[in-house]
Protein backbone atom coordinates (compact mmCIF):
# COMPACT_ATOMS: atom_id res chain seq x y z
CA MET A 1 127.16 114.97 67.46
CA ILE A 2 124.45 114.31 70.01
CA SER A 3 123.07 117.84 70.30
CA ASN A 4 122.33 117.69 66.74
CA ALA A 5 119.68 114.99 67.19
CA ALA A 6 117.05 117.62 68.45
CA ARG A 7 117.31 119.47 65.23
CA SER A 8 114.66 116.98 63.56
CA GLY A 9 111.60 115.76 65.02
CA LYS A 10 111.48 114.72 68.70
CA PRO A 11 114.37 115.89 70.81
CA VAL A 12 116.36 113.32 72.68
CA SER A 13 114.98 112.52 76.19
CA ARG A 14 117.39 112.27 79.14
CA GLN A 15 116.82 108.74 79.56
CA GLU A 16 117.64 108.05 76.03
CA LEU A 17 120.74 109.83 76.24
CA LEU A 18 121.98 107.99 79.69
CA ARG A 19 121.00 104.31 77.82
CA PHE A 20 123.21 105.45 74.78
CA GLN A 21 126.05 106.50 77.12
CA GLN A 22 125.93 103.34 79.03
CA ALA A 23 126.10 101.39 75.62
CA SER A 24 129.26 103.56 74.70
CA ARG A 25 130.91 102.67 78.00
CA ALA A 26 130.48 99.02 77.26
CA HIS A 27 131.74 99.80 73.81
CA ALA A 28 134.78 101.62 75.04
CA ARG A 29 135.64 98.83 77.59
CA GLY A 30 135.50 95.95 74.92
CA ASP A 31 132.04 94.43 75.71
CA ILE A 32 130.72 94.28 72.38
CA ALA A 33 127.75 92.15 73.09
CA ALA A 34 126.24 94.61 75.64
CA ALA A 35 127.17 97.67 73.51
CA GLU A 36 125.33 96.09 70.28
CA ALA A 37 122.28 95.04 72.54
CA GLY A 38 122.03 98.67 73.91
CA TYR A 39 122.60 100.36 70.57
CA ARG A 40 120.22 97.92 68.70
CA ALA A 41 117.48 98.71 71.49
CA LEU A 42 117.75 102.37 70.92
CA ILE A 43 117.73 102.14 67.22
CA ARG A 44 114.31 100.20 67.35
CA GLU A 45 112.91 102.75 69.17
CA LYS A 46 114.17 105.34 66.36
CA VAL A 47 116.03 107.53 68.78
CA LYS A 48 117.87 110.55 66.78
CA ILE A 49 121.35 110.46 67.88
CA PRO A 50 123.73 110.49 64.83
CA GLN A 51 126.63 108.93 67.16
CA LEU A 52 124.54 105.88 68.05
CA TYR A 53 124.14 104.94 64.12
CA HIS A 54 127.84 105.77 63.77
CA GLN A 55 129.01 103.62 66.49
CA MET A 56 127.03 100.63 65.92
CA ALA A 57 127.82 101.00 62.11
CA GLN A 58 131.58 100.58 62.97
CA LEU A 59 130.37 97.51 65.21
CA SER A 60 128.68 96.19 62.04
CA ALA A 61 131.75 96.88 59.81
CA GLN A 62 133.82 95.03 62.21
CA GLY A 63 131.60 92.27 61.94
CA GLY A 64 131.74 91.75 58.43
CA ARG A 65 128.08 93.03 58.13
CA HIS A 66 128.87 95.57 55.46
CA ALA A 67 125.32 96.25 53.87
CA GLU A 68 124.06 97.18 57.44
CA ALA A 69 127.03 99.48 58.28
CA ALA A 70 126.37 101.44 55.17
CA ALA A 71 122.81 101.84 55.86
CA LEU A 72 123.55 102.95 59.35
CA TRP A 73 126.11 105.39 58.48
CA LYS A 74 123.78 106.86 55.64
CA ARG A 75 120.98 107.30 58.91
CA ALA A 76 123.73 109.01 61.05
CA LEU A 77 124.26 111.58 58.05
CA LYS A 78 120.79 112.21 57.34
CA LEU A 79 120.36 113.19 61.14
CA ASP A 80 123.54 115.23 60.67
CA PRO A 81 124.78 116.00 57.45
CA GLY A 82 127.93 117.69 58.94
CA PHE A 83 129.08 114.33 60.55
CA PHE A 84 132.32 114.21 58.60
CA GLN A 85 133.66 111.34 60.36
CA ALA A 86 131.01 109.16 59.32
CA ARG A 87 131.26 109.93 55.82
CA TYR A 88 134.65 109.24 55.81
CA LEU A 89 134.07 105.89 57.34
CA LEU A 90 131.29 105.24 54.88
CA GLY A 91 133.52 106.16 52.03
CA ASN A 92 136.24 103.58 53.58
CA LEU A 93 133.72 101.17 53.47
CA LEU A 94 132.53 101.78 49.73
CA LYS A 95 136.30 101.58 48.56
CA SER A 96 136.56 98.58 50.22
CA ARG A 97 133.74 97.03 48.32
CA GLY A 98 134.87 98.22 45.00
CA GLU A 99 132.37 101.45 44.92
CA LEU A 100 135.21 103.73 43.87
CA GLU A 101 133.10 106.51 42.38
CA GLN A 102 130.85 106.49 45.36
CA ALA A 103 133.92 106.60 47.87
CA ALA A 104 135.56 109.62 45.97
CA ALA A 105 132.21 111.37 46.37
CA CYS A 106 132.12 110.87 50.13
CA TYR A 107 136.06 112.12 50.37
CA ARG A 108 135.34 115.00 48.13
CA ARG A 109 132.53 116.10 50.54
CA VAL A 110 134.65 115.45 53.67
CA ILE A 111 137.39 117.49 52.23
CA ALA A 112 134.87 120.32 51.51
CA GLN A 113 133.65 120.16 54.93
CA GLN A 114 136.85 119.75 56.74
CA PRO A 115 139.68 121.22 54.25
CA GLY A 116 142.10 120.25 57.01
CA TYR A 117 141.33 116.74 57.49
CA THR A 118 144.17 115.19 55.87
CA GLN A 119 143.21 111.72 56.38
CA ALA A 120 140.53 112.40 53.68
CA HIS A 121 142.89 113.78 51.56
CA PHE A 122 145.56 110.79 52.00
CA THR A 123 142.69 108.40 51.21
CA PHE A 124 141.08 110.02 48.17
CA ALA A 125 144.50 110.10 46.57
CA GLY A 126 144.83 106.58 46.69
CA ILE A 127 142.00 106.17 44.54
CA HIS A 128 142.04 109.21 42.20
CA ARG A 129 144.07 109.03 38.97
CA TYR A 130 146.03 112.39 38.58
CA GLU A 131 146.62 113.73 35.00
CA ASN A 132 148.85 116.70 35.62
CA LEU A 133 150.15 118.85 38.07
CA ASP A 134 147.61 121.37 37.58
CA ASP A 135 144.92 119.14 39.31
CA PRO A 136 143.03 121.08 42.07
CA HIS A 137 143.43 118.41 44.68
CA ILE A 138 147.39 118.48 44.24
CA VAL A 139 147.08 122.45 44.67
CA ALA A 140 145.02 122.01 47.60
CA MET A 141 147.27 119.45 49.21
CA GLN A 142 150.68 121.49 48.41
CA ARG A 143 148.80 124.62 49.95
CA LEU A 144 148.27 122.36 53.40
CA TYR A 145 151.77 121.00 53.23
CA ARG A 146 153.49 124.37 53.49
CA ASP A 147 151.62 125.09 56.57
CA SER A 148 154.45 125.51 58.92
CA SER A 149 152.39 124.81 62.07
CA LEU A 150 150.92 121.61 60.57
CA PRO A 151 151.44 118.38 63.16
CA ASP A 152 153.73 115.57 61.87
CA GLU A 153 150.89 113.05 61.39
CA ASN A 154 149.23 115.49 59.27
CA ARG A 155 152.43 116.16 57.20
CA ILE A 156 152.88 112.46 56.89
CA GLN A 157 149.61 111.67 55.29
CA LEU A 158 150.01 114.49 52.76
CA ALA A 159 153.66 113.70 51.97
CA PHE A 160 152.34 110.33 51.02
CA ALA A 161 149.39 111.54 49.22
CA LEU A 162 151.42 113.84 47.14
CA ALA A 163 154.17 111.40 46.20
CA LYS A 164 151.33 109.14 44.95
CA ALA A 165 149.88 112.24 42.87
CA LEU A 166 153.09 113.21 41.60
CA GLU A 167 154.05 109.53 40.50
CA ASP A 168 150.92 109.48 38.53
CA CYS A 169 151.98 112.36 36.79
CA ALA A 170 155.28 110.57 36.08
CA GLU A 171 156.95 113.34 38.23
CA TYR A 172 159.31 110.78 39.73
CA ALA A 173 161.84 113.13 41.14
CA GLY A 174 159.35 115.15 43.09
CA ALA A 175 157.41 112.40 44.26
CA PHE A 176 160.44 110.60 45.79
CA ASP A 177 161.00 114.10 47.49
CA PHE A 178 157.70 113.95 49.25
CA LEU A 179 158.36 109.91 49.93
CA GLU A 180 161.54 110.71 51.63
CA ALA A 181 159.88 113.46 53.70
CA GLY A 182 157.11 111.30 54.86
CA ASN A 183 159.10 108.38 55.47
CA ARG A 184 161.50 109.94 57.72
CA LEU A 185 158.92 111.58 59.85
CA ARG A 186 157.32 108.15 60.49
CA HIS A 187 160.72 106.33 60.73
CA LYS A 188 161.68 108.47 63.47
CA ALA A 189 158.38 107.86 65.41
CA PHE A 190 159.36 104.20 65.55
CA ASN A 191 163.20 104.47 65.72
CA TYR A 192 163.22 100.97 64.40
CA GLU A 193 166.14 98.71 64.41
CA ILE A 194 167.01 95.52 62.55
CA SER A 195 168.41 93.71 65.42
CA SER A 196 165.21 92.33 67.05
CA ASP A 197 163.75 91.25 64.08
CA ARG A 198 167.38 89.70 63.20
CA GLU A 199 167.15 87.41 66.37
CA LEU A 200 163.52 86.49 65.90
CA PHE A 201 164.24 85.23 62.26
CA LYS A 202 167.46 83.11 63.71
CA ASN A 203 165.31 81.68 66.61
CA ILE A 204 162.55 80.52 64.15
CA ILE A 205 165.12 78.97 61.91
CA GLU A 206 166.95 77.11 64.88
CA THR A 207 163.65 76.14 66.48
CA PHE A 208 162.33 74.71 63.18
CA SER A 209 165.28 72.69 62.24
CA ALA A 210 164.61 69.55 59.93
CA ASP A 211 165.56 67.32 63.22
CA ALA A 212 163.35 69.06 65.43
CA VAL A 213 160.46 69.01 63.16
CA ALA A 214 161.00 65.24 62.43
CA ALA A 215 160.84 64.64 66.04
CA VAL A 216 157.45 65.89 66.76
CA SER A 217 154.73 63.45 67.05
CA CYS A 218 151.42 64.30 67.48
CA SER A 219 147.94 63.63 65.98
CA ALA A 220 147.36 66.58 63.82
CA GLU A 221 144.18 68.13 62.47
CA GLN A 222 143.81 66.74 59.04
CA SER A 223 141.50 69.32 57.54
CA ASN A 224 142.61 70.56 54.10
CA ARG A 225 140.14 73.75 54.66
CA PRO A 226 142.78 76.49 55.41
CA VAL A 227 145.02 78.21 52.47
CA PHE A 228 147.50 80.34 53.99
CA ILE A 229 148.76 82.93 51.61
CA VAL A 230 152.09 84.40 52.86
CA GLY A 231 154.87 86.58 51.62
CA MET A 232 156.40 89.95 51.78
CA PRO A 233 153.80 92.78 52.04
CA ARG A 234 152.92 94.29 48.80
CA SER A 235 154.05 90.94 46.93
CA GLY A 236 150.77 90.32 45.58
CA THR A 237 148.91 88.20 48.41
CA SER A 238 145.78 90.40 47.97
CA LEU A 239 145.72 89.59 44.20
CA VAL A 240 146.01 85.94 45.05
CA GLU A 241 143.40 85.80 47.55
CA LYS A 242 141.22 87.86 45.27
CA ILE A 243 141.61 85.48 42.39
CA LEU A 244 140.84 82.37 44.76
CA ALA A 245 137.91 83.94 46.68
CA THR A 246 136.16 84.48 43.17
CA HIS A 247 135.88 80.35 42.93
CA ARG A 248 132.67 79.29 44.19
CA TYR A 249 134.16 76.81 47.03
CA VAL A 250 136.34 79.61 48.28
CA HIS A 251 135.69 81.97 51.17
CA GLY A 252 138.31 85.09 51.29
CA ALA A 253 138.79 85.65 55.19
CA GLY A 254 141.40 88.52 54.25
CA GLU A 255 144.30 89.27 57.01
CA ILE A 256 143.11 87.60 60.18
CA ASP A 257 145.53 87.04 63.22
CA ASP A 258 143.85 83.91 64.67
CA PHE A 259 147.03 81.67 64.02
CA TYR A 260 149.48 83.69 65.60
CA SER A 261 147.12 84.73 68.44
CA LEU A 262 146.58 81.25 69.19
CA ALA A 263 150.05 80.02 68.83
CA ALA A 264 151.47 82.91 71.13
CA ARG A 265 149.71 81.22 74.04
CA SER A 266 151.68 77.73 73.93
CA PHE A 267 154.43 78.23 71.63
CA LEU A 268 155.90 81.95 71.95
CA ASP A 269 157.49 83.03 75.18
CA PRO A 270 156.62 86.37 76.25
CA ARG A 271 159.61 86.64 78.58
CA ASP A 272 161.68 86.32 75.61
CA HIS A 273 160.47 89.03 72.98
CA TYR A 274 157.86 86.15 72.07
CA GLN A 275 160.38 83.91 70.56
CA TYR A 276 159.64 80.34 69.84
CA ARG A 277 160.09 77.75 72.37
CA PRO A 278 162.03 74.71 71.85
CA LEU A 279 159.73 72.13 69.93
CA PRO A 280 160.59 69.46 72.73
CA ALA A 281 159.38 71.73 75.52
CA CYS A 282 155.86 71.82 73.76
CA PRO A 283 153.33 68.91 74.58
CA SER A 284 151.96 67.17 71.55
CA ARG A 285 148.52 68.31 72.67
CA ALA A 286 149.58 71.85 72.22
CA PHE A 287 150.00 71.09 68.25
CA GLU A 288 146.62 69.41 68.10
CA ARG A 289 144.66 71.78 70.10
CA LEU A 290 146.38 74.61 67.83
CA GLY A 291 144.91 73.39 64.66
CA GLN A 292 141.34 72.37 66.27
CA GLU A 293 141.08 76.01 67.69
CA TYR A 294 142.25 77.53 64.48
CA LEU A 295 139.58 75.45 62.50
CA ASP A 296 136.91 76.64 65.11
CA ARG A 297 137.79 80.43 64.26
CA ILE A 298 137.57 79.91 60.41
CA ASN A 299 134.54 77.81 60.92
CA ALA A 300 132.80 80.82 62.58
CA LEU A 301 133.78 83.12 59.80
CA ASN A 302 132.47 80.84 57.20
CA SER A 303 131.09 77.10 57.64
CA ARG A 304 130.26 76.35 54.29
CA ALA A 305 133.09 76.79 51.95
CA ALA A 306 135.37 74.04 51.18
CA ARG A 307 138.60 76.11 51.48
CA VAL A 308 138.83 79.41 53.60
CA THR A 309 142.05 81.76 52.73
CA ASP A 310 143.99 83.57 55.31
CA LYS A 311 146.36 85.94 53.68
CA LEU A 312 148.00 87.40 56.74
CA PRO A 313 151.48 87.92 55.01
CA PHE A 314 153.42 87.33 58.11
CA ASN A 315 152.16 84.00 58.73
CA LEU A 316 155.40 83.21 56.97
CA LEU A 317 156.87 83.43 60.38
CA MET A 318 154.45 80.67 61.15
CA VAL A 319 154.90 77.90 58.39
CA GLY A 320 156.75 75.56 60.97
CA LEU A 321 153.93 75.50 63.04
CA ILE A 322 151.27 75.66 60.47
CA ARG A 323 152.81 72.30 59.07
CA LEU A 324 152.73 70.56 62.25
CA ALA A 325 149.51 71.71 63.39
CA LEU A 326 147.44 71.57 60.08
CA PRO A 327 149.83 69.45 57.93
CA ASN A 328 146.96 69.24 55.10
CA ALA A 329 146.80 73.12 54.92
CA THR A 330 147.94 74.79 51.51
CA ILE A 331 150.70 77.34 52.00
CA ILE A 332 151.11 79.71 48.95
CA HIS A 333 153.77 81.80 48.85
CA CYS A 334 153.69 85.09 46.66
CA ARG A 335 156.91 86.20 45.37
CA ARG A 336 157.75 89.50 43.43
CA ASP A 337 160.79 91.32 42.23
CA ALA A 338 162.65 92.29 45.57
CA ARG A 339 163.40 95.84 43.96
CA ASP A 340 159.55 96.28 43.47
CA THR A 341 158.31 94.63 46.43
CA CYS A 342 160.75 97.16 48.72
CA LEU A 343 159.70 100.08 46.81
CA SER A 344 156.01 99.44 47.07
CA LEU A 345 156.46 99.10 50.78
CA TYR A 346 158.22 102.68 51.08
CA LYS A 347 155.66 104.01 49.12
CA GLN A 348 152.77 102.80 51.94
CA ASN A 349 151.38 104.97 54.71
CA PHE A 350 150.49 101.83 57.01
CA THR A 351 148.08 102.28 59.38
CA THR A 352 149.48 99.66 62.13
CA ALA A 353 152.82 99.49 63.74
CA ASN A 354 153.40 95.93 62.17
CA TYR A 355 155.56 97.51 59.28
CA ARG A 356 158.12 99.29 61.22
CA PHE A 357 160.92 98.28 59.12
CA ALA A 358 159.27 99.95 56.14
CA TYR A 359 160.15 103.52 56.31
CA ASP A 360 163.54 103.47 55.62
CA LEU A 361 165.48 102.21 52.66
CA LYS A 362 168.33 100.37 54.21
CA THR A 363 166.14 98.50 56.67
CA ILE A 364 163.62 97.52 54.18
CA GLY A 365 166.49 95.77 52.32
CA GLN A 366 167.77 94.24 55.71
CA PHE A 367 164.17 92.91 56.27
CA TYR A 368 163.92 91.38 52.74
CA ARG A 369 166.75 89.46 53.09
CA LEU A 370 165.58 87.99 56.43
CA TYR A 371 162.55 87.26 54.72
CA HIS A 372 164.31 85.51 51.81
CA GLY A 373 166.72 83.35 54.15
CA LEU A 374 163.54 82.17 55.88
CA MET A 375 161.63 81.12 53.25
CA ALA A 376 164.65 79.31 51.71
CA HIS A 377 164.77 77.50 55.04
CA TRP A 378 161.16 76.35 54.82
CA GLY A 379 161.87 75.08 51.38
CA THR A 380 164.71 72.91 52.70
CA VAL A 381 162.81 71.74 55.77
CA PHE A 382 159.43 71.34 53.84
CA PRO A 383 160.47 70.36 50.34
CA GLY A 384 157.92 70.56 47.67
CA ILE A 385 155.07 71.60 50.00
CA ILE A 386 154.75 75.64 49.53
CA HIS A 387 153.46 76.64 46.36
CA ASP A 388 155.32 79.68 44.96
CA VAL A 389 153.54 82.12 42.85
CA SER A 390 155.31 84.72 40.88
CA TYR A 391 153.65 88.26 40.56
CA GLU A 392 155.49 88.68 37.42
CA GLU A 393 154.43 85.60 35.84
CA LEU A 394 150.84 86.02 37.39
CA THR A 395 150.26 89.25 35.28
CA ARG A 396 152.03 88.18 32.18
CA ASN A 397 150.36 84.54 32.03
CA PRO A 398 147.37 84.69 34.15
CA GLU A 399 145.29 81.70 32.79
CA THR A 400 148.24 79.56 33.16
CA GLU A 401 149.34 80.74 36.42
CA ILE A 402 145.82 80.67 37.89
CA ARG A 403 145.41 77.02 36.71
CA LYS A 404 148.50 75.92 38.69
CA LEU A 405 147.31 78.11 41.72
CA LEU A 406 143.76 76.38 41.68
CA ASP A 407 145.57 73.13 41.13
CA ALA A 408 147.77 73.71 44.25
CA CYS A 409 144.64 74.09 46.33
CA GLY A 410 142.96 71.16 44.97
CA LEU A 411 140.28 73.26 42.88
CA ALA A 412 138.85 72.54 39.65
CA TRP A 413 139.24 75.35 37.07
CA GLU A 414 136.58 78.10 36.97
CA GLU A 415 136.55 80.90 34.04
CA GLU A 416 135.04 83.60 36.65
CA CYS A 417 138.48 83.39 38.45
CA LEU A 418 140.10 85.15 35.33
CA ALA A 419 137.53 88.07 36.18
CA PHE A 420 138.22 88.45 39.70
CA ASP A 421 138.21 92.27 39.54
CA ARG A 422 134.62 92.20 39.09
CA SER A 423 134.08 90.15 42.36
CA PRO A 424 131.99 92.13 45.00
CA ALA A 425 134.14 90.94 47.86
CA THR A 426 135.34 93.44 50.26
CA VAL A 427 139.09 93.85 50.50
CA THR A 428 140.57 96.15 53.20
CA THR A 429 144.23 96.08 52.90
CA ALA A 430 146.47 98.65 51.02
CA SER A 431 145.81 96.73 47.61
CA ALA A 432 142.18 97.36 47.67
CA VAL A 433 142.25 99.58 44.60
CA GLN A 434 144.57 97.70 42.65
CA VAL A 435 142.51 94.37 43.11
CA ARG A 436 139.78 96.03 41.43
CA ARG A 437 141.51 96.53 38.01
CA PRO A 438 142.19 93.53 35.69
CA LEU A 439 145.83 92.11 35.89
CA TYR A 440 148.24 94.64 34.58
CA THR A 441 152.11 94.92 34.09
CA SER A 442 152.73 98.59 34.68
CA SER A 443 154.09 98.30 38.09
CA ILE A 444 156.64 95.53 36.78
CA GLY A 445 160.31 97.46 36.68
CA LEU A 446 158.70 100.76 38.43
CA TRP A 447 161.83 100.78 40.56
CA LYS A 448 164.16 101.92 37.74
CA ARG A 449 162.03 105.11 37.55
CA TYR A 450 163.63 106.22 40.85
CA GLY A 451 167.30 105.38 39.81
CA ASP A 452 170.27 106.43 42.29
CA ARG A 453 167.46 107.39 44.96
CA LEU A 454 167.12 103.70 45.66
CA ALA A 455 170.90 103.35 46.27
CA PRO A 456 170.62 102.59 50.07
CA LEU A 457 168.03 99.83 49.27
CA LEU A 458 169.92 98.30 46.11
CA GLU A 459 173.37 98.02 48.17
CA GLU A 460 171.58 96.07 50.72
CA LEU A 461 169.79 93.86 48.49
CA GLU A 462 172.98 92.92 46.60
CA LYS A 463 174.70 91.70 49.86
CA THR A 464 175.27 88.14 50.88
CA GLY A 465 174.89 86.67 54.30
CA PRO A 466 172.97 87.83 57.40
CA PRO A 467 172.07 91.68 57.33
CA VAL A 468 174.46 93.97 59.01
């Protein structure tokens, strides 16, 4: 990309190139302040290195400066229209902001430039609505998928994309064939077993018994700013946050791992697979410090909003600590029909390794039962504290359920919360497209379309007691 800079105007000097490389090395080793300072100095001098604007755009996007990031990617593309990686990331940014038509245009151009770039096919499929099997994009993906030399990662991306496309066309048998193929490859790569998570959930329940929690004495942080939105992934956490973030007094922070990372230092034992230490072994100051430091983190994100949402679903593992360190925080639990939740998980090609359980129907069912047991435990230890939101009730009776939600957060009713889909707030999770639509009920009961193909999942969900 650097050599292309010389095509337009003054060539890049050796000194400019060396300075860019120095900033890039700082970026690579995680010295973000030095990298940004170096990039910005070169940008002020209008140095024509496309990669410079691309890398600064990535930093801007990571820092939440989305308008700046978009402008920088557009400058990179003006210098080098063939820079398809920059165009793809610009498309992702536009998608997260709800500018779906512009995002689709970016993906289409990337695919035209690089037909074998399966990541663009996968992401485009997520925002495109397919009407029939003759859609040119389905045909193109099927042609690529038949290539026997295709690496597994590319095959996985196409399999999930084709599954989504065929489901749009109500071709459920064919869609499930692709889901099975993609999930089989992903599961093989992770080689996940439920045993480690079973031990983790057992450890949490034993650590946070009612007696152990009652014995903790500390001067906990009394702020009510945090709103934790927890639940199984694909249960409506993004939807609930989008509704709340439409309120004038709420800032939606998205999925942030600050609480977990802060808790890990004092409460989780790295020598024991990051399970909880016994509560009596934790000094009262540790609980106080956790609450104070977490508030510092969210204040850095937004210091003005009365409430700040944190929608990391797996904070459900942290409910005990949240209650002890931040007793006035609101905890919202998103619930959805187990069968629809688990099917939706099986349909996702997640971008992180945090969902290793999600690529096999049986292990999804086992994990769901672990989650269900833990939430029942929290309800016993902290009765009346956690506010449940039913996805089905929310979609069927939105005003009634949104009023309850706002009341649980201590917020007055605002009509705008019913029009959450028109909010320009950025959404970067797998639900980025769904939350741009008004509430809909078409996904309720979708599991029935797949019938016996879900047998391993349904059999697991019907069991009682600990997963086997």
